[in-house]
C-alpha atoms as a PDB file:
ATOM      1  CA  UNK A   1       0.000   0.000   0.000  1.00  0.00           C
ATOM      2  CA  UNK A   2       1.046   3.575  -0.672  1.00  0.00           C
ATOM      3  CA  UNK A   3      -0.193   6.487   1.441  1.00  0.00           C
ATOM      4  CA  UNK A   4       0.311  10.105   0.389  1.00  0.00           C
ATOM      5  CA  UNK A   5      -0.442  12.809   2.948  1.00  0.00           C
ATOM      6  CA  UNK A   6      -0.953  16.418   1.833  1.00  0.00           C
ATOM      7  CA  UNK A   7      -0.207  18.896   4.605  1.00  0.00           C
ATOM      8  CA  UNK A   8       1.094  22.366   5.435  1.00  0.00           C
ATOM      9  CA  UNK A   9       3.210  20.936   8.262  1.00  0.00           C
ATOM     10  CA  UNK A  10       5.330  17.963   7.085  1.00  0.00           C
ATOM     11  CA  UNK A  11       7.517  17.940  10.197  1.00  0.00           C
ATOM     12  CA  UNK A  12       4.515  16.949  12.323  1.00  0.00           C
ATOM     13  CA  UNK A  13       4.900  13.465  10.834  1.00  0.00           C
ATOM     14  CA  UNK A  14       8.578  12.968  11.751  1.00  0.00           C
ATOM     15  CA  UNK A  15       7.904  11.044  14.959  1.00  0.00           C
ATOM     16  CA  UNK A  16       4.941   9.191  13.500  1.00  0.00           C
ATOM     17  CA  UNK A  17       7.030   7.772  10.649  1.00  0.00           C
ATOM     18  CA  UNK A  18      10.129   6.989  12.668  1.00  0.00           C
ATOM     19  CA  UNK A  19       8.878   5.095  15.692  1.00  0.00           C
ATOM     20  CA  UNK A  20       7.339   1.747  16.621  1.00  0.00           C
ATOM     21  CA  UNK A  21       5.107  -0.337  14.355  1.00  0.00           C
ATOM     22  CA  UNK A  22       4.799   2.255  11.578  1.00  0.00           C
ATOM     23  CA  UNK A  23       8.579   2.508  11.227  1.00  0.00           C
ATOM     24  CA  UNK A  24       8.914  -1.283  11.070  1.00  0.00           C
ATOM     25  CA  UNK A  25       6.144  -1.561   8.474  1.00  0.00           C
ATOM     26  CA  UNK A  26       7.981   0.972   6.286  1.00  0.00           C
ATOM     27  CA  UNK A  27      11.317  -0.814   6.751  1.00  0.00           C
ATOM     28  CA  UNK A  28       9.695  -4.140   5.789  1.00  0.00           C
ATOM     29  CA  UNK A  29       8.279  -2.419   2.679  1.00  0.00           C
ATOM     30  CA  UNK A  30       4.736  -3.316   3.666  1.00  0.00           C
ATOM     31  CA  UNK A  31       3.685   0.315   3.265  1.00  0.00           C
ATOM     32  CA  UNK A  32       5.087   3.369   1.536  1.00  0.00           C
ATOM     33  CA  UNK A  33       4.287   6.763   3.063  1.00  0.00           C
ATOM     34  CA  UNK A  34       5.019  10.093   1.368  1.00  0.00           C
ATOM     35  CA  UNK A  35       4.426  13.556   2.796  1.00  0.00           C
ATOM     36  CA  UNK A  36       3.704  16.429   0.395  1.00  0.00           C
ATOM     37  CA  UNK A  37       3.586  20.097   1.352  1.00  0.00           C
ATOM     38  CA  UNK A  38       0.900  21.611  -0.825  1.00  0.00           C
ATOM     39  CA  UNK A  39       2.599  25.008  -0.489  1.00  0.00           C
ATOM     40  CA  UNK A  40       4.908  23.621  -3.181  1.00  0.00           C
ATOM     41  CA  UNK A  41       1.968  23.948  -5.602  1.00  0.00           C
ATOM     42  CA  UNK A  42       1.213  27.595  -4.834  1.00  0.00           C
ATOM     43  CA  UNK A  43       1.350  30.014  -7.792  1.00  0.00           C
ATOM     44  CA  UNK A  44       2.202  32.944  -5.515  1.00  0.00           C
ATOM     45  CA  UNK A  45       5.701  34.221  -4.752  1.00  0.00           C
ATOM     46  CA  UNK A  46       5.250  33.767  -1.005  1.00  0.00           C
ATOM     47  CA  UNK A  47       3.834  30.226  -1.411  1.00  0.00           C
ATOM     48  CA  UNK A  48       0.493  31.380  -0.007  1.00  0.00           C
ATOM     49  CA  UNK A  49      -2.233  28.711  -0.070  1.00  0.00           C
ATOM     50  CA  UNK A  50      -5.038  30.497   1.791  1.00  0.00           C
ATOM     51  CA  UNK A  51      -7.041  33.671   1.431  1.00  0.00           C
ATOM     52  CA  UNK A  52      -9.945  35.577   2.962  1.00  0.00           C
ATOM     53  CA  UNK A  53     -13.416  34.080   2.423  1.00  0.00           C
ATOM     54  CA  UNK A  54     -15.788  35.506  -0.167  1.00  0.00           C
ATOM     55  CA  UNK A  55     -18.750  37.031   1.636  1.00  0.00           C
ATOM     56  CA  UNK A  56     -16.636  38.002   4.631  1.00  0.00           C
ATOM     57  CA  UNK A  57     -16.084  36.244   7.919  1.00  0.00           C
ATOM     58  CA  UNK A  58     -13.336  35.229  10.296  1.00  0.00           C
ATOM     59  CA  UNK A  59     -10.138  33.422   9.414  1.00  0.00           C
ATOM     60  CA  UNK A  60      -8.601  32.201   6.185  1.00  0.00           C
ATOM     61  CA  UNK A  61      -9.787  29.543   3.740  1.00  0.00           C
ATOM     62  CA  UNK A  62      -7.518  27.081   1.932  1.00  0.00           C
ATOM     63  CA  UNK A  63      -7.456  27.766  -1.803  1.00  0.00           C
ATOM     64  CA  UNK A  64      -8.685  25.211  -4.309  1.00  0.00           C
ATOM     65  CA  UNK A  65      -5.886  25.449  -6.896  1.00  0.00           C
ATOM     66  CA  UNK A  66      -2.776  24.293  -4.984  1.00  0.00           C
ATOM     67  CA  UNK A  67      -4.555  21.395  -3.288  1.00  0.00           C
ATOM     68  CA  UNK A  68      -6.161  20.120  -6.490  1.00  0.00           C
ATOM     69  CA  UNK A  69      -2.845  20.347  -8.333  1.00  0.00           C
ATOM     70  CA  UNK A  70      -1.169  18.426  -5.500  1.00  0.00           C
ATOM     71  CA  UNK A  71      -3.849  15.724  -5.741  1.00  0.00           C
ATOM     72  CA  UNK A  72      -3.504  15.497  -9.514  1.00  0.00           C
ATOM     73  CA  UNK A  73       0.274  15.154  -9.284  1.00  0.00           C
ATOM     74  CA  UNK A  74      -0.172  11.990  -7.208  1.00  0.00           C
ATOM     75  CA  UNK A  75      -3.464  10.478  -8.304  1.00  0.00           C
ATOM     76  CA  UNK A  76      -3.677   7.269 -10.308  1.00  0.00           C
ATOM     77  CA  UNK A  77      -6.689   5.122 -11.304  1.00  0.00           C
ATOM     78  CA  UNK A  78      -6.076   3.142  -8.085  1.00  0.00           C
ATOM     79  CA  UNK A  79      -6.146   6.151  -5.749  1.00  0.00           C
ATOM     80  CA  UNK A  80      -8.777   6.894  -3.115  1.00  0.00           C
ATOM     81  CA  UNK A  81      -8.740  10.540  -1.998  1.00  0.00           C
ATOM     82  CA  UNK A  82      -9.869  11.295   1.557  1.00  0.00           C
ATOM     83  CA  UNK A  83     -10.453  14.726   3.054  1.00  0.00           C
ATOM     84  CA  UNK A  84      -9.957  15.067   6.820  1.00  0.00           C
ATOM     85  CA  UNK A  85     -13.050  16.986   7.894  1.00  0.00           C
ATOM     86  CA  UNK A  86     -15.338  17.306  10.954  1.00  0.00           C
ATOM     87  CA  UNK A  87     -18.228  17.199   8.459  1.00  0.00           C
ATOM     88  CA  UNK A  88     -17.228  13.751   7.205  1.00  0.00           C
ATOM     89  CA  UNK A  89     -18.579  10.304   8.001  1.00  0.00           C
ATOM     90  CA  UNK A  90     -17.519   9.017  11.416  1.00  0.00           C
ATOM     91  CA  UNK A  91     -14.434   6.841  11.245  1.00  0.00           C
ATOM     92  CA  UNK A  92     -14.650   3.263  12.522  1.00  0.00           C
ATOM     93  CA  UNK A  93     -12.821  -0.053  12.571  1.00  0.00           C
ATOM     94  CA  UNK A  94     -15.114  -1.190   9.762  1.00  0.00           C
ATOM     95  CA  UNK A  95     -13.904   1.705   7.613  1.00  0.00           C
ATOM     96  CA  UNK A  96     -10.285   0.861   8.500  1.00  0.00           C
ATOM     97  CA  UNK A  97     -10.805  -2.669   7.157  1.00  0.00           C
ATOM     98  CA  UNK A  98     -12.340  -1.220   3.975  1.00  0.00           C
ATOM     99  CA  UNK A  99      -9.415   1.158   3.434  1.00  0.00           C
ATOM    100  CA  UNK A 100      -6.910  -1.641   4.052  1.00  0.00           C
ATOM    101  CA  UNK A 101      -7.997  -3.131   0.726  1.00  0.00           C
ATOM    102  CA  UNK A 102      -7.061   0.024  -1.199  1.00  0.00           C
ATOM    103  CA  UNK A 103      -3.734   0.192  -3.040  1.00  0.00           C
ATOM    104  CA  UNK A 104      -3.265   3.952  -2.746  1.00  0.00           C
ATOM    105  CA  UNK A 105      -4.674   6.451  -0.252  1.00  0.00           C
ATOM    106  CA  UNK A 106      -4.313  10.218  -0.531  1.00  0.00           C
ATOM    107  CA  UNK A 107      -5.139  11.993   2.753  1.00  0.00           C
ATOM    108  CA  UNK A 108      -5.673  15.757   2.756  1.00  0.00           C
ATOM    109  CA  UNK A 109      -5.044  17.688   5.987  1.00  0.00           C
ATOM    110  CA  UNK A 110      -6.954  20.916   6.398  1.00  0.00           C
ATOM    111  CA  UNK A 111      -6.104  23.981   8.450  1.00  0.00           C
ATOM    112  CA  UNK A 112      -7.379  27.479   9.272  1.00  0.00           C
ATOM    113  CA  UNK A 113     -11.135  27.949   8.668  1.00  0.00           C
ATOM    114  CA  UNK A 114     -11.467  25.078   6.231  1.00  0.00           C
ATOM    115  CA  UNK A 115     -11.367  24.400   2.500  1.00  0.00           C
ATOM    116  CA  UNK A 116     -12.721  26.113  -0.560  1.00  0.00           C
ATOM    117  CA  UNK A 117     -15.880  24.058  -1.160  1.00  0.00           C
ATOM    118  CA  UNK A 118     -14.820  23.268  -4.744  1.00  0.00           C
ATOM    119  CA  UNK A 119     -12.052  20.987  -3.455  1.00  0.00           C
ATOM    120  CA  UNK A 120     -14.778  18.444  -2.667  1.00  0.00           C
ATOM    121  CA  UNK A 121     -15.260  17.838  -6.396  1.00  0.00           C
ATOM    122  CA  UNK A 122     -11.820  16.201  -6.452  1.00  0.00           C
ATOM    123  CA  UNK A 123     -12.112  13.828  -3.506  1.00  0.00           C
ATOM    124  CA  UNK A 124     -13.824  10.492  -2.904  1.00  0.00           C
ATOM    125  CA  UNK A 125     -14.863  10.892   0.717  1.00  0.00           C
ATOM    126  CA  UNK A 126     -14.783  13.152   3.771  1.00  0.00           C
ATOM    127  CA  UNK A 127     -13.819  11.440   7.029  1.00  0.00           C
ATOM    128  CA  UNK A 128     -14.177  12.645  10.617  1.00  0.00           C
ATOM    129  CA  UNK A 129     -12.509  11.029  13.636  1.00  0.00           C
ATOM    130  CA  UNK A 130     -15.001  12.545  16.064  1.00  0.00           C
ATOM    131  CA  UNK A 131     -17.408  15.340  16.877  1.00  0.00           C
ATOM    132  CA  UNK A 132     -14.845  17.921  17.922  1.00  0.00           C
ATOM    133  CA  UNK A 133     -12.540  20.418  16.231  1.00  0.00           C
ATOM    134  CA  UNK A 134      -8.743  20.158  15.978  1.00  0.00           C
ATOM    135  CA  UNK A 135      -6.288  22.780  14.765  1.00  0.00           C
ATOM    136  CA  UNK A 136      -5.625  20.754  11.634  1.00  0.00           C
ATOM    137  CA  UNK A 137      -6.043  17.470   9.838  1.00  0.00           C
ATOM    138  CA  UNK A 138      -2.595  16.099  10.607  1.00  0.00           C
ATOM    139  CA  UNK A 139      -3.614  14.145  13.711  1.00  0.00           C
ATOM    140  CA  UNK A 140      -6.664  12.617  11.958  1.00  0.00           C
ATOM    141  CA  UNK A 141      -4.402  11.613   9.057  1.00  0.00           C
ATOM    142  CA  UNK A 142      -2.077   9.866  11.525  1.00  0.00           C
ATOM    143  CA  UNK A 143      -5.034   8.147  13.205  1.00  0.00           C
ATOM    144  CA  UNK A 144      -6.369   6.811   9.928  1.00  0.00           C
ATOM    145  CA  UNK A 145      -2.936   5.782   8.641  1.00  0.00           C
ATOM    146  CA  UNK A 146      -2.080   3.967  11.879  1.00  0.00           C
ATOM    147  CA  UNK A 147      -5.404   2.133  12.071  1.00  0.00           C
ATOM    148  CA  UNK A 148      -5.120   0.965   8.449  1.00  0.00           C
ATOM    149  CA  UNK A 149      -1.426   0.074   8.418  1.00  0.00           C
ATOM    150  CA  UNK A 150      -1.689  -2.224  11.437  1.00  0.00           C
ATOM    151  CA  UNK A 151      -4.258  -4.306   9.530  1.00  0.00           C
ATOM    152  CA  UNK A 152      -1.937  -4.930   6.574  1.00  0.00           C
ATOM    153  CA  UNK A 153      -0.734  -8.526   6.417  1.00  0.00           C
ATOM    154  CA  UNK A 154       2.628  -8.890   8.122  1.00  0.00           C
ATOM    155  CA  UNK A 155       2.536  -5.669  10.160  1.00  0.00           C
ATOM    156  CA  UNK A 156       1.209  -7.349  13.315  1.00  0.00           C
ATOM    157  CA  UNK A 157      -0.098 -10.839  13.991  1.00  0.00           C
ATOM    158  CA  UNK A 158      -3.587 -11.302  12.580  1.00  0.00           C
ATOM    159  CA  UNK A 159      -4.743 -12.873  15.849  1.00  0.00           C
ATOM    160  CA  UNK A 160      -3.896  -9.641  17.647  1.00  0.00           C
ATOM    161  CA  UNK A 161      -6.339  -7.403  15.821  1.00  0.00           C
ATOM    162  CA  UNK A 162      -9.070 -10.025  15.416  1.00  0.00           C
ATOM    163  CA  UNK A 163      -9.538 -10.105  19.207  1.00  0.00           C
ATOM    164  CA  UNK A 164      -9.461  -6.353  19.797  1.00  0.00           C
ATOM    165  CA  UNK A 165     -12.250  -3.927  20.582  1.00  0.00           C
ATOM    166  CA  UNK A 166     -14.684  -3.373  17.695  1.00  0.00           C
ATOM    167  CA  UNK A 167     -13.426  -6.377  15.678  1.00  0.00           C
ATOM    168  CA  UNK A 168     -16.778  -8.139  16.329  1.00  0.00           C
ATOM    169  CA  UNK A 169     -18.723  -4.999  17.286  1.00  0.00           C
ATOM    170  CA  UNK A 170     -17.871  -5.633  20.937  1.00  0.00           C
ATOM    171  CA  UNK A 171     -15.378  -4.001  23.263  1.00  0.00           C
ATOM    172  CA  UNK A 172     -12.340  -5.989  24.383  1.00  0.00           C
ATOM    173  CA  UNK A 173     -12.283  -8.408  27.309  1.00  0.00           C
ATOM    174  CA  UNK A 174     -10.170  -7.657  30.425  1.00  0.00           C
ATOM    175  CA  UNK A 175      -6.488  -8.572  30.214  1.00  0.00           C
ATOM    176  CA  UNK A 176      -4.114  -9.400  33.066  1.00  0.00           C
ATOM    177  CA  UNK A 177      -0.445 -10.225  33.550  1.00  0.00           C
ATOM    178  CA  UNK A 178       1.956 -10.717  36.476  1.00  0.00           C
ATOM    179  CA  UNK A 179       1.776 -10.359  39.416  1.00  0.00           C
ATOM    180  CA  UNK A 180      -1.208 -12.600  40.078  1.00  0.00           C
ATOM    181  CA  UNK A 181      -2.106 -10.686  43.233  1.00  0.00           C
ATOM    182  CA  UNK A 182      -1.560  -6.917  43.325  1.00  0.00           C
ATOM    183  CA  UNK A 183      -2.686  -5.236  46.559  1.00  0.00           C
ATOM    184  CA  UNK A 184      -5.482  -7.729  46.993  1.00  0.00           C
ATOM    185  CA  UNK A 185      -6.662  -7.481  43.391  1.00  0.00           C
ATOM    186  CA  UNK A 186      -6.402 -11.044  42.077  1.00  0.00           C
ATOM    187  CA  UNK A 187      -6.390 -12.339  38.505  1.00  0.00           C
ATOM    188  CA  UNK A 188      -9.571 -14.396  37.814  1.00  0.00           C
ATOM    189  CA  UNK A 189      -8.954 -18.110  38.427  1.00  0.00           C
ATOM    190  CA  UNK A 190     -10.393 -19.084  35.050  1.00  0.00           C
ATOM    191  CA  UNK A 191      -7.411 -17.476  33.284  1.00  0.00           C
ATOM    192  CA  UNK A 192      -5.050 -19.762  35.188  1.00  0.00           C
ATOM    193  CA  UNK A 193      -7.082 -22.920  34.585  1.00  0.00           C
ATOM    194  CA  UNK A 194      -5.497 -23.950  31.299  1.00  0.00           C
ATOM    195  CA  UNK A 195      -8.962 -24.756  29.944  1.00  0.00           C
ATOM    196  CA  UNK A 196      -8.896 -22.779  26.692  1.00  0.00           C
ATOM    197  CA  UNK A 197     -12.529 -23.446  25.827  1.00  0.00           C
ATOM    198  CA  UNK A 198     -13.740 -22.069  29.170  1.00  0.00           C
ATOM    199  CA  UNK A 199     -11.338 -19.135  28.907  1.00  0.00           C
ATOM    200  CA  UNK A 200     -12.745 -18.296  25.454  1.00  0.00           C
ATOM    201  CA  UNK A 201     -16.299 -18.465  26.837  1.00  0.00           C
ATOM    202  CA  UNK A 202     -15.358 -16.252  29.787  1.00  0.00           C
ATOM    203  CA  UNK A 203     -13.747 -13.695  27.503  1.00  0.00           C
ATOM    204  CA  UNK A 204     -16.763 -13.600  25.220  1.00  0.00           C
ATOM    205  CA  UNK A 205     -19.099 -13.063  28.170  1.00  0.00           C
ATOM    206  CA  UNK A 206     -16.832 -10.323  29.505  1.00  0.00           C
ATOM    207  CA  UNK A 207     -16.876  -8.623  26.106  1.00  0.00           C
ATOM    208  CA  UNK A 208     -20.668  -8.547  26.135  1.00  0.00           C
ATOM    209  CA  UNK A 209     -20.794  -7.257  29.737  1.00  0.00           C
ATOM    210  CA  UNK A 210     -18.178  -4.607  28.979  1.00  0.00           C
ATOM    211  CA  UNK A 211     -20.002  -3.449  25.864  1.00  0.00           C
ATOM    212  CA  UNK A 212     -23.390  -3.303  27.643  1.00  0.00           C
ATOM    213  CA  UNK A 213     -21.870  -1.210  30.428  1.00  0.00           C
ATOM    214  CA  UNK A 214     -19.804   1.194  28.324  1.00  0.00           C
ATOM    215  CA  UNK A 215     -21.101   1.210  24.732  1.00  0.00           C
ATOM    216  CA  UNK A 216     -24.566  -0.299  24.579  1.00  0.00           C
ATOM    217  CA  UNK A 217     -25.076   1.500  21.254  1.00  0.00           C
ATOM    218  CA  UNK A 218     -22.734  -1.030  19.627  1.00  0.00           C
ATOM    219  CA  UNK A 219     -25.117  -3.870  20.476  1.00  0.00           C
ATOM    220  CA  UNK A 220     -27.864  -2.261  18.407  1.00  0.00           C
END
């Protein structure tokens, strides 16, 4: 998979690309990630990519021309173009699995007061990571990239993500490790029984209880 991220702040991705699982996935050539500064596509001498909104109002709006030209410089017939936007569809594990099947993702990070509306004629989908506002789309782009990359074959063990929260529309079951007894809080005996069938049943029941208590909406 190839992921291209269009942003005004490329250095925000330095740590993201050079640590932990993402770094290893890149080194193993399981994913290719490229960061493009869409200021490079500005037609203005000062590399300006925003301007005041028609009709008046606060803040600056990202211009259509540099972003569209950046998209077109990268887009192929296999590309899926995603706009990071609080107006987009809510992101989910289901969407992550869908995007994992794509060969090329282009993620566009917004800033300031938003985008010129005409940019939306050049994208495939708007995606939101939650009902709140961030200073830019860089963090959402990292969230989406991370959630997709970890699902790519060979990045982590398949068993790991198949048992996680949301993989079966349920939250995760409780996990424990040593010590067995910490300040009177003891690991459930069933987990020490060695009976894998009963452990699996216990975990499934705990998932249902956990989901009912914390996210009953998922059960609907």
